[in-house]
Amino acid sequence: MNKKLKRNVLSALLIATVVSAPLMASPIMQKITAYIYPNIEYRLDGVEILEDTQTIYYNGKNYVSVNDIVRALGKDVTFENGKVTITTPQYKESVVINEAIIKEVDVKQNQVTILPVDKADKLENYKILNVGPETKLSYEKNKPVVKISDLEEGMKVKVIQASFETASIPAQTTAYEITILQDGVEQEPVAQNITIKKATIKDVEEDDKTITILPAGKENKPENYIVLNIGQDTKLAHETIKKVVTLESLEEGMTVKVVHSPAVTKSLPPQTSAIEVIVLKENGDLTTDDKDDDFDHDAVFETEIEDAKIIEMNHGKKYMVVKNDKGTYTVKFTHKTKVEFDDADHKKPNVNSLKVGQRVDIELENGVAVEIEVQ
């Protein structure tokens, strides 16, 4: 059962019937008793409209806002001196963009950022369209009414905008019409990762987790350098030897193969995210103590090593060798590595508490121990 709500209604200034029958013949205000009629749905050519409009029931008829229904039909409405005027929008000073791609939709700010299809994908070619109550939003065919929240990044649109634009980058202007074109969302090609078969490491920054490289064949100038950001997902490995490679084990002068993201900054030197950094075999086997290992190393691109025994410990060079039933691993550690003991005898354990013969569980990040639990 619909709940009746008494409401003061402002006569023909604010409401009219769907068939345009006036509530009053003169612009004199008077109080009436009417009711909100919830759950009424309006459709235009099969598409729901007036979703946020309240229907008022009075004297056996339903009334809705003139403003709402006229705008749903793509018309303009004005009220002056007791006269309601409905007109088709005419934009005397306007610019038409026949096809553009939506780059961003900001519903809170009522702004849509577009890029005309004939322009390069650069910030200076973007346009920010301010969408207001007067802006007509629609589909090219079959779906005449949309809201700004229906617009999506990648959609193709036709735009009619004001001729005036701000001098900012991107430029801002008022949108008169935004029409979603029939073919919908632009399918942009997926950029491929970039592979550099050989490069020389020019610098290693452990704190910033970056390495700077110079691709082979490039002149040794800073503008030819590339700064690689090393993240948790970056694969660090040796070309031929299956052992842990860490950021700390990389050194200036080493040669590497690099796979990095296609997204590169315009800074000098440019920066990008490293996907793989492979130490080439011409650098040797990267054994920490500069001698051949007398044991085999299994592949250790691990995040955890469980129930392993410490068989070698080098506190000076901050590495240890551990072995379990799955293989033998060389693990780097730092002063930040957290150490815990199962027993309560060690009040403030740290990496200096580690000894050969202890059994440990190790949590790693990029081959470096972040936490070691001594059993």
Protein backbone atom coordinates (compact mmCIF):
# COMPACT_ATOMS: atom_id res chain seq x y z
CA MET A 1 0.00 0.00 0.00
CA ASN A 2 1.43 3.43 -1.03
CA LYS A 3 2.13 5.78 1.86
CA LYS A 4 0.32 9.09 1.38
CA LEU A 5 2.37 12.20 1.92
CA LYS A 6 0.84 15.64 2.06
CA ARG A 7 2.80 18.12 -0.05
CA ASN A 8 2.53 21.82 -0.92
CA VAL A 9 2.66 22.14 -4.69
CA LEU A 10 3.44 25.33 -6.61
CA SER A 11 0.85 24.97 -9.40
CA ALA A 12 1.96 25.36 -13.01
CA LEU A 13 5.25 27.03 -12.06
CA LEU A 14 6.67 23.65 -11.11
CA ILE A 15 4.43 20.83 -12.31
CA ALA A 16 2.32 19.88 -15.30
CA THR A 17 0.68 16.72 -16.55
CA VAL A 18 2.47 14.46 -18.99
CA VAL A 19 -0.10 15.59 -21.59
CA SER A 20 0.56 19.25 -20.70
CA ALA A 21 -2.81 19.94 -19.07
CA PRO A 22 -2.32 22.98 -16.76
CA LEU A 23 -3.11 22.63 -13.09
CA MET A 24 -4.22 26.29 -12.90
CA ALA A 25 -5.13 28.81 -15.56
CA SER A 26 -3.57 31.79 -13.79
CA PRO A 27 -0.17 32.29 -12.12
CA ILE A 28 -1.75 32.75 -8.69
CA MET A 29 -0.25 30.60 -5.94
CA GLN A 30 -2.54 28.54 -3.75
CA LYS A 31 -2.19 25.61 -1.37
CA ILE A 32 -3.51 22.22 -2.39
CA THR A 33 -3.35 18.71 -0.94
CA ALA A 34 -1.62 16.17 -3.20
CA TYR A 35 0.18 12.86 -2.81
CA ILE A 36 3.49 11.45 -3.97
CA TYR A 37 2.83 8.48 -6.25
CA PRO A 38 5.88 6.19 -5.92
CA ASN A 39 7.02 3.34 -8.16
CA ILE A 40 5.80 4.85 -11.42
CA GLU A 41 8.09 4.08 -14.36
CA TYR A 42 8.32 6.20 -17.51
CA ARG A 43 9.72 4.91 -20.80
CA LEU A 44 10.58 6.66 -24.06
CA ASP A 45 11.04 4.37 -27.09
CA GLY A 46 11.53 1.47 -24.70
CA VAL A 47 14.16 3.22 -22.59
CA GLU A 48 13.47 4.22 -18.99
CA ILE A 49 13.55 7.97 -18.33
CA LEU A 50 12.78 10.27 -15.40
CA GLU A 51 14.30 7.78 -12.95
CA ASP A 52 14.85 10.45 -10.28
CA THR A 53 11.62 12.35 -10.87
CA GLN A 54 8.78 12.18 -8.35
CA THR A 55 5.21 11.80 -9.59
CA ILE A 56 2.50 13.76 -7.79
CA TYR A 57 -1.11 12.54 -7.79
CA TYR A 58 -3.78 15.25 -7.63
CA ASN A 59 -7.44 15.36 -8.55
CA GLY A 60 -7.31 12.06 -10.45
CA LYS A 61 -4.26 12.95 -12.57
CA ASN A 62 -0.49 12.36 -12.41
CA TYR A 63 1.90 15.33 -12.55
CA VAL A 64 5.67 15.51 -13.12
CA SER A 65 8.14 18.37 -13.46
CA VAL A 66 7.93 20.20 -16.78
CA ASN A 67 11.67 20.75 -16.61
CA ASP A 68 12.41 17.03 -16.19
CA ILE A 69 10.19 15.73 -18.96
CA VAL A 70 11.20 18.40 -21.48
CA ARG A 71 14.91 17.78 -20.92
CA ALA A 72 14.32 14.04 -21.26
CA LEU A 73 13.08 14.84 -24.76
CA GLY A 74 16.21 16.86 -25.51
CA LYS A 75 14.51 20.25 -25.44
CA ASP A 76 15.11 23.49 -23.55
CA VAL A 77 12.55 25.07 -21.24
CA THR A 78 12.24 28.58 -19.79
CA PHE A 79 9.70 30.23 -17.50
CA GLU A 80 9.16 33.96 -17.65
CA ASN A 81 6.20 36.18 -16.76
CA GLY A 82 3.93 33.20 -16.23
CA LYS A 83 4.84 31.68 -19.60
CA VAL A 84 6.52 28.28 -20.12
CA THR A 85 8.50 28.13 -23.37
CA ILE A 86 9.83 24.87 -24.84
CA THR A 87 12.44 25.11 -27.62
CA THR A 88 14.90 22.93 -29.51
CA PRO A 89 18.49 23.83 -28.48
CA GLN A 90 20.34 26.06 -30.94
CA TYR A 91 24.06 26.58 -30.44
CA LYS A 92 25.04 29.73 -32.29
CA GLU A 93 28.68 29.64 -31.24
CA SER A 94 29.72 26.03 -30.96
CA VAL A 95 32.39 23.57 -32.04
CA VAL A 96 31.53 20.09 -33.31
CA ILE A 97 33.91 17.18 -32.73
CA ASN A 98 32.57 14.35 -34.86
CA GLU A 99 34.52 11.62 -33.08
CA ALA A 100 36.48 11.53 -29.84
CA ILE A 101 37.53 8.96 -27.25
CA ILE A 102 36.55 9.36 -23.60
CA LYS A 103 39.75 9.26 -21.53
CA GLU A 104 38.23 9.88 -18.09
CA VAL A 105 34.84 10.39 -16.45
CA ASP A 106 34.63 12.33 -13.17
CA VAL A 107 31.05 11.94 -11.96
CA LYS A 108 31.60 13.97 -8.77
CA GLN A 109 32.97 16.98 -10.67
CA ASN A 110 30.57 16.48 -13.62
CA GLN A 111 33.49 16.44 -16.05
CA VAL A 112 34.35 14.24 -19.03
CA THR A 113 37.85 14.26 -20.53
CA ILE A 114 38.06 13.46 -24.24
CA LEU A 115 40.68 13.10 -26.96
CA PRO A 116 39.64 13.87 -30.57
CA VAL A 117 40.52 10.85 -32.74
CA ASP A 118 42.60 12.93 -35.15
CA LYS A 119 44.89 14.16 -32.36
CA ALA A 120 47.98 12.52 -30.84
CA ASP A 121 47.48 11.00 -27.39
CA LYS A 122 49.13 13.87 -25.53
CA LEU A 123 47.87 15.85 -22.55
CA GLU A 124 47.81 19.10 -24.51
CA ASN A 125 45.29 17.56 -26.94
CA TYR A 126 42.83 16.48 -24.24
CA LYS A 127 39.67 18.49 -23.55
CA ILE A 128 37.80 18.59 -20.25
CA LEU A 129 34.06 18.96 -20.87
CA ASN A 130 32.00 20.48 -18.09
CA VAL A 131 28.64 18.70 -18.03
CA GLY A 132 25.75 20.71 -16.64
CA PRO A 133 21.95 20.54 -16.44
CA GLU A 134 21.78 21.95 -19.98
CA THR A 135 24.04 19.28 -21.48
CA LYS A 136 22.21 16.73 -23.63
CA LEU A 137 23.55 13.20 -23.17
CA SER A 138 22.32 10.50 -25.54
CA TYR A 139 23.10 7.46 -27.66
CA GLU A 140 23.37 7.74 -31.41
CA LYS A 141 20.51 5.26 -31.93
CA ASN A 142 17.75 3.61 -29.94
CA LYS A 143 18.79 4.93 -26.50
CA PRO A 144 18.00 8.67 -26.39
CA VAL A 145 18.73 9.42 -22.73
CA VAL A 146 21.78 8.69 -20.56
CA LYS A 147 23.39 10.07 -17.40
CA ILE A 148 27.02 11.09 -16.92
CA SER A 149 27.50 7.94 -14.83
CA ASP A 150 26.66 5.88 -17.94
CA LEU A 151 29.70 7.26 -19.77
CA GLU A 152 32.82 5.08 -19.67
CA GLU A 153 36.50 5.43 -20.46
CA GLY A 154 37.15 4.26 -24.02
CA MET A 155 33.72 5.14 -25.43
CA LYS A 156 33.55 6.88 -28.80
CA VAL A 157 31.46 10.04 -28.71
CA LYS A 158 30.38 12.98 -30.83
CA VAL A 159 30.62 16.29 -29.01
CA ILE A 160 29.11 19.73 -29.46
CA GLN A 161 30.92 22.17 -27.20
CA ALA A 162 31.18 25.89 -26.58
CA SER A 163 33.62 27.75 -28.82
CA PHE A 164 35.36 29.28 -25.81
CA GLU A 165 38.08 27.19 -24.11
CA THR A 166 40.36 27.95 -21.19
CA ALA A 167 44.08 28.38 -21.82
CA SER A 168 44.91 25.56 -19.39
CA ILE A 169 46.33 22.15 -20.28
CA PRO A 170 44.07 20.31 -20.81
CA ALA A 171 41.67 23.00 -22.01
CA GLN A 172 38.24 23.18 -20.38
CA THR A 173 34.96 24.08 -22.02
CA THR A 174 31.20 23.61 -21.70
CA ALA A 175 29.58 20.58 -23.31
CA TYR A 176 26.30 21.21 -25.13
CA GLU A 177 25.82 17.67 -26.38
CA ILE A 178 27.64 14.35 -25.91
CA THR A 179 26.39 11.55 -28.14
CA ILE A 180 27.65 8.00 -27.69
CA LEU A 181 28.44 6.60 -31.12
CA GLN A 182 27.10 3.24 -32.19
CA ASP A 183 30.35 1.25 -32.13
CA GLY A 184 30.72 1.94 -28.40
CA VAL A 185 34.06 1.39 -26.70
CA GLU A 186 37.33 1.91 -28.49
CA GLN A 187 39.50 -1.22 -28.38
CA GLU A 188 43.02 0.05 -27.96
CA PRO A 189 45.92 -2.24 -28.89
CA VAL A 190 47.74 -3.75 -25.93
CA ALA A 191 51.27 -2.41 -25.72
CA GLN A 192 53.99 -5.06 -25.64
CA ASN A 193 56.79 -5.27 -23.11
CA ILE A 194 60.16 -4.01 -24.34
CA THR A 195 63.20 -6.30 -24.38
CA ILE A 196 66.78 -5.02 -24.30
CA LYS A 197 69.01 -7.97 -25.14
CA LYS A 198 72.13 -6.46 -23.63
CA ALA A 199 72.81 -3.47 -21.41
CA THR A 200 75.47 -2.36 -18.96
CA ILE A 201 74.59 -1.49 -15.37
CA LYS A 202 75.73 2.08 -14.67
CA ASP A 203 74.40 2.44 -11.13
CA VAL A 204 72.63 0.45 -8.40
CA GLU A 205 70.57 2.25 -5.74
CA GLU A 206 69.56 -0.24 -3.06
CA ASP A 207 67.58 2.28 -0.99
CA ASP A 208 65.55 3.50 -3.96
CA LYS A 209 65.37 -0.03 -5.43
CA THR A 210 66.50 1.13 -8.85
CA ILE A 211 69.24 0.27 -11.31
CA THR A 212 70.42 2.48 -14.14
CA ILE A 213 71.40 0.82 -17.42
CA LEU A 214 72.93 1.81 -20.75
CA PRO A 215 71.64 -0.28 -23.68
CA ALA A 216 74.39 -1.81 -25.83
CA GLY A 217 75.23 0.28 -28.89
CA LYS A 218 74.21 3.55 -27.26
CA GLU A 219 76.70 6.34 -26.60
CA ASN A 220 77.67 6.63 -22.94
CA LYS A 221 75.62 9.73 -22.18
CA PRO A 222 73.05 10.25 -19.38
CA GLU A 223 70.30 10.91 -21.92
CA ASN A 224 70.75 7.33 -23.17
CA TYR A 225 70.44 5.81 -19.70
CA ILE A 226 67.29 4.08 -18.45
CA VAL A 227 66.33 3.89 -14.78
CA LEU A 228 64.63 0.61 -13.89
CA ASN A 229 62.37 0.40 -10.85
CA ILE A 230 62.78 -2.98 -9.15
CA GLY A 231 59.56 -4.18 -7.51
CA GLN A 232 58.29 -7.29 -5.79
CA ASP A 233 57.20 -8.77 -9.12
CA THR A 234 60.52 -8.13 -10.87
CA LYS A 235 62.28 -11.38 -11.79
CA LEU A 236 66.00 -11.26 -10.99
CA ALA A 237 67.98 -14.23 -12.32
CA HIS A 238 71.23 -15.49 -13.82
CA GLU A 239 71.27 -16.53 -17.46
CA THR A 240 72.62 -20.04 -16.82
CA ILE A 241 72.99 -20.67 -13.08
CA LYS A 242 69.96 -21.46 -10.95
CA LYS A 243 70.60 -19.42 -7.85
CA VAL A 244 69.29 -16.37 -6.05
CA VAL A 245 70.06 -13.02 -7.66
CA THR A 246 69.22 -9.98 -5.54
CA LEU A 247 69.37 -6.25 -6.04
CA GLU A 248 72.32 -6.22 -3.65
CA SER A 249 74.24 -8.71 -5.78
CA LEU A 250 74.02 -6.50 -8.89
CA GLU A 251 77.03 -4.28 -9.50
CA GLU A 252 78.09 -1.43 -11.74
CA GLY A 253 79.65 -2.76 -14.94
CA MET A 254 77.66 -5.98 -15.11
CA THR A 255 75.91 -6.81 -18.37
CA VAL A 256 72.25 -7.79 -18.24
CA LYS A 257 69.28 -8.62 -20.39
CA VAL A 258 66.24 -6.52 -19.48
CA VAL A 259 62.51 -6.77 -20.08
CA HIS A 260 60.64 -3.64 -19.01
CA SER A 261 57.20 -2.09 -19.18
CA PRO A 262 56.21 -0.14 -22.33
CA ALA A 263 55.19 2.75 -20.05
CA VAL A 264 58.22 5.04 -19.86
CA THR A 265 58.40 8.52 -18.31
CA LYS A 266 59.48 11.51 -20.39
CA SER A 267 62.14 12.48 -17.86
CA LEU A 268 65.90 12.37 -18.48
CA PRO A 269 66.87 9.70 -17.93
CA PRO A 270 63.52 7.98 -18.49
CA GLN A 271 62.16 5.65 -15.82
CA THR A 272 60.17 2.45 -16.18
CA SER A 273 59.27 -0.72 -14.29
CA ALA A 274 61.55 -3.72 -14.70
CA ILE A 275 59.80 -7.02 -15.41
CA GLU A 276 62.97 -9.12 -15.76
CA VAL A 277 66.65 -8.46 -15.17
CA ILE A 278 68.80 -11.40 -16.28
CA VAL A 279 72.53 -11.36 -15.47
CA LEU A 280 74.41 -12.58 -18.57
CA LYS A 281 76.74 -15.56 -18.25
CA GLU A 282 79.74 -13.45 -19.32
CA ASN A 283 79.71 -11.98 -15.79
CA GLY A 284 80.58 -15.33 -14.23
CA ASP A 285 78.52 -17.32 -11.76
CA LEU A 286 78.12 -14.55 -9.13
CA THR A 287 79.30 -16.79 -6.28
CA THR A 288 79.45 -14.57 -3.23
CA ASP A 289 82.94 -15.58 -2.11
CA ASP A 290 84.38 -15.55 -5.65
CA LYS A 291 84.97 -19.28 -5.76
CA ASP A 292 83.09 -22.17 -7.29
CA ASP A 293 80.30 -23.61 -5.19
CA ASP A 294 80.81 -27.17 -4.05
CA PHE A 295 77.08 -27.83 -4.09
CA ASP A 296 74.26 -27.54 -6.59
CA HIS A 297 71.74 -24.69 -6.35
CA ASP A 298 68.14 -25.41 -7.23
CA ALA A 299 65.91 -22.76 -8.73
CA VAL A 300 65.16 -20.34 -5.90
CA PHE A 301 62.68 -17.82 -7.11
CA GLU A 302 60.91 -18.59 -3.87
CA THR A 303 58.91 -16.59 -1.38
CA GLU A 304 59.37 -19.16 1.38
CA ILE A 305 61.99 -21.76 2.30
CA GLU A 306 60.76 -24.12 5.00
CA ASP A 307 62.55 -26.48 7.39
CA ALA A 308 66.04 -25.77 6.08
CA LYS A 309 69.38 -26.26 7.81
CA ILE A 310 72.03 -23.53 7.78
CA ILE A 311 75.17 -25.14 6.29
CA GLU A 312 77.20 -22.00 5.69
CA MET A 313 77.06 -18.54 7.27
CA ASN A 314 78.92 -15.37 6.24
CA HIS A 315 77.98 -12.43 8.46
CA GLY A 316 80.51 -10.14 6.79
CA LYS A 317 79.04 -10.50 3.30
CA LYS A 318 75.52 -10.99 4.67
CA TYR A 319 74.60 -14.29 3.11
CA MET A 320 73.99 -17.84 4.23
CA VAL A 321 73.56 -21.18 2.55
CA VAL A 322 70.67 -23.37 3.64
CA LYS A 323 69.55 -26.84 2.62
CA ASN A 324 66.30 -28.77 2.88
CA ASP A 325 64.75 -31.76 1.12
CA LYS A 326 63.91 -29.58 -1.89
CA GLY A 327 67.37 -28.20 -2.57
CA THR A 328 70.23 -25.92 -1.53
CA TYR A 329 69.83 -22.15 -1.49
CA THR A 330 72.05 -19.11 -1.12
CA VAL A 331 70.08 -16.45 0.75
CA LYS A 332 71.02 -12.82 1.28
CA PHE A 333 69.99 -10.97 4.44
CA THR A 334 70.27 -7.39 5.71
CA HIS A 335 70.26 -5.64 9.08
CA LYS A 336 66.52 -5.18 8.56
CA THR A 337 65.88 -8.94 8.36
CA LYS A 338 63.64 -9.95 11.26
CA VAL A 339 64.82 -12.96 13.29
CA GLU A 340 62.65 -14.93 15.71
CA PHE A 341 63.39 -17.97 17.89
CA ASP A 342 60.87 -20.58 19.02
CA ASP A 343 62.38 -20.63 22.51
CA ALA A 344 62.29 -17.72 24.94
CA ASP A 345 66.03 -17.63 25.68
CA HIS A 346 66.74 -15.07 22.97
CA LYS A 347 65.34 -11.75 24.16
CA LYS A 348 66.44 -9.57 21.22
CA PRO A 349 67.46 -11.90 18.37
CA ASN A 350 68.95 -10.53 15.15
CA VAL A 351 70.94 -11.82 12.17
CA ASN A 352 74.05 -12.11 14.36
CA SER A 353 72.19 -14.81 16.33
CA LEU A 354 72.18 -17.10 13.28
CA LYS A 355 74.64 -20.02 13.28
CA VAL A 356 75.56 -23.03 11.19
CA GLY A 357 73.45 -26.05 12.14
CA GLN A 358 70.29 -24.15 13.04
CA ARG A 359 67.05 -25.14 11.31
CA VAL A 360 65.07 -22.23 9.94
CA ASP A 361 61.97 -21.14 8.06
CA ILE A 362 62.67 -18.19 5.76
CA GLU A 363 60.36 -15.64 4.14
CA LEU A 364 61.92 -13.94 1.10
CA GLU A 365 61.29 -10.93 -1.08
CA ASN A 366 63.28 -10.70 -4.32
CA GLY A 367 65.68 -13.29 -2.98
CA VAL A 368 66.40 -11.38 0.24
CA ALA A 369 65.29 -12.74 3.61
CA VAL A 370 62.76 -10.46 5.28
CA GLU A 371 62.01 -12.82 8.17
CA ILE A 372 63.83 -15.87 9.56
CA GLU A 373 62.28 -18.10 12.20
CA VAL A 374 64.74 -20.35 14.03
CA GLN A 375 63.21 -23.63 15.12
